[in-house]
Structure formats: structure tokens, C-alpha cells
Amino acid sequence: MIVICLSDTADRFHGFLRSVMMNVHPGVYVSMDLDAGSRDRIWTILERWWEAEPQGMAVMIHRDKDKPMGMDFRSLGAPKRTIVEYEDHYALHRKTTETS
């Protein structure tokens, strides 16, 4: 299974992903049957578009048996939370802000 989530990206990202994946919720695209090659080609297109017009963010989650919890992540942009490996699991690390 592959899940791609978009936030504040150009409209062409959404149109392209709707042509190759199911749009189950605004900004959320899923596919059960894309192979690794197709997944990588889709991500390469998104990377090139994002580099040409760096706005918003994208996160892809996909199966990888060699990674913790059997999944891996890729992202574009600056997420509010960072996914980190911790004792063979993933955890969220929030950016902290300094208070006066």
C-alpha cells in the first residue's frame, strides 16, 4: 500500500495523483497495487515539480520490510513534525519553540 498526503501544493500535484491513485480524502491519495518502480517514478515527478515550485509539502508512506514497523517515509517541504526511528519503531518528534 502507498499513501501520499499533500498540503498547500500546486494544483497539478493533485491532478497528477488523481490520475494514478485513488483520492480518498482531500489531499490524501492511496494505491494498493503500484509496484516499486511506479512508486519511484511518481515520487520523482513530484520531487521535480516541488523543486521548480517549492510550496507546501508532500509525504509518502510505503511498505518496506527492512525498515521499522515494515514501512518507510519520504517527504518534500518542511513538516511540523519529524518522524524518527527509535528502538525499531517510528516516533514523532515535534519542533519545539522557545518561550520567553
N, C-alpha and C. Protein backbone atom coordinates (compact mmCIF):
# COMPACT_ATOMS: atom_id res chain seq x y z
N MET A 1 0.84 -1.17 0.00
CA MET A 1 0.00 0.00 0.00
C MET A 1 0.89 1.24 0.00
N ILE A 2 0.47 2.23 -0.75
CA ILE A 2 1.17 3.50 -0.83
C ILE A 2 0.18 4.60 -0.50
N VAL A 3 0.59 5.52 0.36
CA VAL A 3 -0.23 6.67 0.73
C VAL A 3 0.61 7.92 0.50
N ILE A 4 0.02 8.90 -0.21
CA ILE A 4 0.67 10.20 -0.39
C ILE A 4 -0.30 11.26 0.11
N CYS A 5 0.21 12.14 0.98
CA CYS A 5 -0.58 13.24 1.52
C CYS A 5 0.04 14.55 1.07
N LEU A 6 -0.82 15.44 0.54
CA LEU A 6 -0.37 16.75 0.08
C LEU A 6 -1.00 17.84 0.92
N SER A 7 -0.27 18.92 1.09
CA SER A 7 -0.78 20.09 1.80
C SER A 7 -0.24 21.35 1.15
N ASP A 8 -1.12 22.20 0.67
CA ASP A 8 -0.76 23.50 0.08
C ASP A 8 0.18 23.40 -1.11
N THR A 9 0.05 22.37 -1.93
CA THR A 9 0.86 22.24 -3.13
C THR A 9 0.10 22.77 -4.33
N ALA A 10 0.79 22.94 -5.44
CA ALA A 10 0.17 23.40 -6.68
C ALA A 10 -0.88 22.40 -7.14
N ASP A 11 -1.89 22.89 -7.87
CA ASP A 11 -3.00 22.06 -8.33
C ASP A 11 -2.55 20.88 -9.19
N ARG A 12 -1.47 21.04 -9.94
CA ARG A 12 -1.05 19.95 -10.82
C ARG A 12 -0.65 18.70 -10.04
N PHE A 13 -0.16 18.85 -8.80
CA PHE A 13 0.16 17.69 -7.97
C PHE A 13 -1.10 16.84 -7.77
N HIS A 14 -2.18 17.50 -7.42
CA HIS A 14 -3.45 16.80 -7.16
C HIS A 14 -3.99 16.14 -8.42
N GLY A 15 -3.96 16.87 -9.54
CA GLY A 15 -4.46 16.31 -10.79
C GLY A 15 -3.67 15.09 -11.22
N PHE A 16 -2.34 15.18 -11.12
CA PHE A 16 -1.49 14.05 -11.48
C PHE A 16 -1.77 12.84 -10.59
N LEU A 17 -1.81 13.05 -9.27
CA LEU A 17 -2.03 11.91 -8.37
C LEU A 17 -3.42 11.30 -8.55
N ARG A 18 -4.43 12.13 -8.87
CA ARG A 18 -5.77 11.58 -9.14
C ARG A 18 -5.76 10.68 -10.37
N SER A 19 -4.81 10.89 -11.29
CA SER A 19 -4.75 10.07 -12.50
C SER A 19 -4.10 8.70 -12.26
N VAL A 20 -3.39 8.54 -11.13
CA VAL A 20 -2.69 7.28 -10.88
C VAL A 20 -3.05 6.62 -9.56
N MET A 21 -3.76 7.34 -8.69
CA MET A 21 -4.10 6.81 -7.38
C MET A 21 -5.53 7.20 -7.02
N MET A 22 -6.08 6.59 -6.00
CA MET A 22 -7.41 6.93 -5.54
C MET A 22 -7.34 8.09 -4.54
N ASN A 23 -8.18 9.10 -4.76
CA ASN A 23 -8.24 10.28 -3.89
C ASN A 23 -9.33 10.03 -2.84
N VAL A 24 -8.93 9.51 -1.67
CA VAL A 24 -9.91 9.09 -0.67
C VAL A 24 -10.36 10.22 0.25
N HIS A 25 -9.61 11.31 0.28
CA HIS A 25 -9.93 12.47 1.11
C HIS A 25 -9.14 13.63 0.51
N PRO A 26 -9.59 14.87 0.65
CA PRO A 26 -8.82 15.96 0.06
C PRO A 26 -7.34 15.92 0.48
N GLY A 27 -6.47 15.81 -0.51
CA GLY A 27 -5.03 15.78 -0.25
C GLY A 27 -4.46 14.42 0.11
N VAL A 28 -5.30 13.37 0.14
CA VAL A 28 -4.84 12.03 0.52
C VAL A 28 -5.09 11.07 -0.64
N TYR A 29 -4.02 10.42 -1.10
CA TYR A 29 -4.07 9.52 -2.25
C TYR A 29 -3.53 8.16 -1.84
N VAL A 30 -4.22 7.09 -2.25
CA VAL A 30 -3.80 5.74 -1.88
C VAL A 30 -3.79 4.83 -3.10
N SER A 31 -2.95 3.82 -3.04
CA SER A 31 -2.92 2.77 -4.05
C SER A 31 -2.47 1.48 -3.40
N MET A 32 -3.13 0.41 -3.75
CA MET A 32 -2.79 -0.91 -3.23
C MET A 32 -1.89 -1.69 -4.18
N ASP A 33 -1.84 -1.29 -5.46
CA ASP A 33 -1.20 -2.16 -6.44
C ASP A 33 -0.07 -1.53 -7.25
N LEU A 34 0.49 -0.42 -6.81
CA LEU A 34 1.63 0.15 -7.52
C LEU A 34 2.90 -0.61 -7.14
N ASP A 35 3.70 -0.96 -8.14
CA ASP A 35 4.97 -1.61 -7.84
C ASP A 35 6.02 -0.56 -7.46
N ALA A 36 7.16 -1.01 -7.00
CA ALA A 36 8.21 -0.09 -6.52
C ALA A 36 8.69 0.85 -7.62
N GLY A 37 8.80 0.35 -8.84
CA GLY A 37 9.24 1.19 -9.96
C GLY A 37 8.26 2.32 -10.24
N SER A 38 6.98 2.00 -10.26
CA SER A 38 5.95 3.02 -10.48
C SER A 38 5.95 4.02 -9.34
N ARG A 39 6.06 3.53 -8.12
CA ARG A 39 6.10 4.40 -6.95
C ARG A 39 7.27 5.38 -7.05
N ASP A 40 8.44 4.89 -7.44
CA ASP A 40 9.61 5.75 -7.55
C ASP A 40 9.48 6.76 -8.68
N ARG A 41 8.86 6.37 -9.80
CA ARG A 41 8.65 7.31 -10.90
C ARG A 41 7.68 8.41 -10.50
N ILE A 42 6.61 8.06 -9.80
CA ILE A 42 5.66 9.05 -9.32
C ILE A 42 6.35 10.03 -8.38
N TRP A 43 7.14 9.51 -7.44
CA TRP A 43 7.82 10.38 -6.48
C TRP A 43 8.84 11.29 -7.18
N THR A 44 9.52 10.78 -8.19
CA THR A 44 10.49 11.59 -8.94
C THR A 44 9.80 12.76 -9.62
N ILE A 45 8.62 12.53 -10.19
CA ILE A 45 7.85 13.61 -10.81
C ILE A 45 7.48 14.65 -9.76
N LEU A 46 6.98 14.21 -8.60
CA LEU A 46 6.61 15.14 -7.54
C LEU A 46 7.82 15.94 -7.06
N GLU A 47 8.97 15.27 -6.92
CA GLU A 47 10.20 15.97 -6.49
C GLU A 47 10.58 17.07 -7.48
N ARG A 48 10.55 16.76 -8.77
CA ARG A 48 10.93 17.74 -9.79
C ARG A 48 9.98 18.94 -9.76
N TRP A 49 8.68 18.67 -9.67
CA TRP A 49 7.70 19.75 -9.62
C TRP A 49 7.89 20.59 -8.37
N TRP A 50 8.15 19.93 -7.24
CA TRP A 50 8.31 20.67 -5.99
C TRP A 50 9.57 21.53 -6.03
N GLU A 51 10.65 21.01 -6.62
CA GLU A 51 11.88 21.79 -6.74
C GLU A 51 11.66 23.02 -7.63
N ALA A 52 10.82 22.90 -8.67
CA ALA A 52 10.52 24.02 -9.56
C ALA A 52 9.58 25.03 -8.90
N GLU A 53 8.74 24.55 -8.01
CA GLU A 53 7.76 25.41 -7.33
C GLU A 53 7.64 24.95 -5.88
N PRO A 54 8.62 25.31 -5.04
CA PRO A 54 8.66 24.79 -3.66
C PRO A 54 7.65 25.45 -2.72
N GLN A 55 6.43 24.93 -2.77
CA GLN A 55 5.42 25.41 -1.83
C GLN A 55 4.67 24.22 -1.28
N GLY A 56 4.25 24.31 -0.03
CA GLY A 56 3.52 23.22 0.59
C GLY A 56 4.41 22.06 0.95
N MET A 57 3.77 20.93 1.14
CA MET A 57 4.53 19.73 1.49
C MET A 57 3.84 18.48 0.99
N ALA A 58 4.62 17.42 0.90
CA ALA A 58 4.12 16.11 0.50
C ALA A 58 4.81 15.06 1.35
N VAL A 59 4.06 14.02 1.71
CA VAL A 59 4.60 12.90 2.46
C VAL A 59 4.12 11.62 1.79
N MET A 60 5.03 10.70 1.57
CA MET A 60 4.67 9.38 1.03
C MET A 60 5.03 8.33 2.06
N ILE A 61 4.10 7.42 2.28
CA ILE A 61 4.30 6.29 3.19
C ILE A 61 4.15 5.03 2.34
N HIS A 62 5.11 4.13 2.44
CA HIS A 62 5.02 2.89 1.67
C HIS A 62 5.65 1.73 2.44
N ARG A 63 5.31 0.54 2.04
CA ARG A 63 5.80 -0.67 2.69
C ARG A 63 7.28 -0.89 2.39
N ASP A 64 8.03 -1.22 3.43
CA ASP A 64 9.44 -1.59 3.29
C ASP A 64 9.75 -2.54 4.44
N LYS A 65 9.83 -3.81 4.13
CA LYS A 65 10.02 -4.84 5.16
C LYS A 65 11.32 -4.68 5.95
N ASP A 66 12.30 -3.97 5.38
CA ASP A 66 13.58 -3.79 6.05
C ASP A 66 13.63 -2.61 7.02
N LYS A 67 12.56 -1.84 7.07
CA LYS A 67 12.51 -0.66 7.94
C LYS A 67 11.67 -0.96 9.18
N PRO A 68 11.81 -0.15 10.22
CA PRO A 68 10.98 -0.35 11.42
C PRO A 68 9.50 -0.34 11.05
N MET A 69 8.76 -1.19 11.70
CA MET A 69 7.32 -1.30 11.53
C MET A 69 6.90 -1.66 10.09
N GLY A 70 7.87 -2.07 9.26
CA GLY A 70 7.58 -2.51 7.90
C GLY A 70 7.17 -1.40 6.95
N MET A 71 7.53 -0.14 7.25
CA MET A 71 7.18 0.96 6.36
C MET A 71 8.29 2.00 6.32
N ASP A 72 8.25 2.82 5.26
CA ASP A 72 9.23 3.89 5.10
C ASP A 72 8.51 5.15 4.67
N PHE A 73 9.18 6.29 4.78
CA PHE A 73 8.61 7.59 4.52
C PHE A 73 9.52 8.40 3.61
N ARG A 74 8.92 9.25 2.81
CA ARG A 74 9.64 10.26 2.04
C ARG A 74 8.84 11.55 2.19
N SER A 75 9.52 12.68 2.15
CA SER A 75 8.77 13.94 2.27
C SER A 75 9.42 15.06 1.48
N LEU A 76 8.61 16.02 1.13
CA LEU A 76 9.03 17.24 0.47
C LEU A 76 8.50 18.39 1.31
N GLY A 77 9.26 19.45 1.45
CA GLY A 77 8.80 20.58 2.23
C GLY A 77 9.26 20.48 3.67
N ALA A 78 8.69 21.33 4.50
CA ALA A 78 9.09 21.40 5.91
C ALA A 78 7.94 20.96 6.81
N PRO A 79 7.92 19.69 7.20
CA PRO A 79 6.84 19.21 8.06
C PRO A 79 6.95 19.80 9.47
N LYS A 80 5.81 19.90 10.14
CA LYS A 80 5.79 20.40 11.52
C LYS A 80 6.34 19.37 12.49
N ARG A 81 6.26 18.11 12.10
CA ARG A 81 6.77 17.02 12.93
C ARG A 81 7.78 16.21 12.12
N THR A 82 8.74 15.66 12.80
CA THR A 82 9.74 14.84 12.15
C THR A 82 9.55 13.40 12.62
N ILE A 83 9.58 12.46 11.68
CA ILE A 83 9.48 11.05 12.02
C ILE A 83 10.89 10.54 12.26
N VAL A 84 11.11 9.95 13.43
CA VAL A 84 12.43 9.45 13.78
C VAL A 84 12.34 7.97 14.15
N GLU A 85 13.43 7.24 13.93
CA GLU A 85 13.49 5.85 14.35
C GLU A 85 13.90 5.81 15.82
N TYR A 86 13.21 4.97 16.58
CA TYR A 86 13.51 4.83 18.00
C TYR A 86 13.24 3.40 18.41
N GLU A 87 14.27 2.66 18.73
CA GLU A 87 14.16 1.27 19.19
C GLU A 87 13.28 0.42 18.27
N ASP A 88 13.64 0.41 16.98
CA ASP A 88 12.93 -0.39 15.96
C ASP A 88 11.48 0.01 15.76
N HIS A 89 11.14 1.23 16.09
CA HIS A 89 9.81 1.79 15.85
C HIS A 89 9.98 3.21 15.33
N TYR A 90 8.89 3.78 14.87
CA TYR A 90 8.90 5.19 14.49
C TYR A 90 8.21 5.99 15.57
N ALA A 91 8.67 7.21 15.74
CA ALA A 91 8.05 8.13 16.69
C ALA A 91 8.03 9.52 16.05
N LEU A 92 7.16 10.37 16.54
CA LEU A 92 7.07 11.74 16.06
C LEU A 92 7.88 12.65 16.97
N HIS A 93 8.66 13.50 16.38
CA HIS A 93 9.43 14.50 17.12
C HIS A 93 8.90 15.87 16.68
N ARG A 94 8.27 16.55 17.60
CA ARG A 94 7.73 17.88 17.27
C ARG A 94 8.82 18.92 17.44
N LYS A 95 8.79 19.91 16.56
CA LYS A 95 9.70 21.03 16.72
C LYS A 95 9.24 21.85 17.92
N THR A 96 10.17 22.17 18.78
CA THR A 96 9.81 22.97 19.95
C THR A 96 10.10 24.43 19.68
N THR A 97 9.35 25.28 20.34
CA THR A 97 9.59 26.71 20.22
C THR A 97 10.06 27.23 21.56
N GLU A 98 10.96 28.18 21.51
CA GLU A 98 11.46 28.76 22.75
C GLU A 98 10.45 29.78 23.26
N THR A 99 10.21 29.77 24.56
CA THR A 99 9.33 30.76 25.18
C THR A 99 10.16 31.74 25.99
N SER A 100 9.69 32.96 26.10
CA SER A 100 10.46 33.95 26.86
C SER A 100 10.24 33.85 28.33
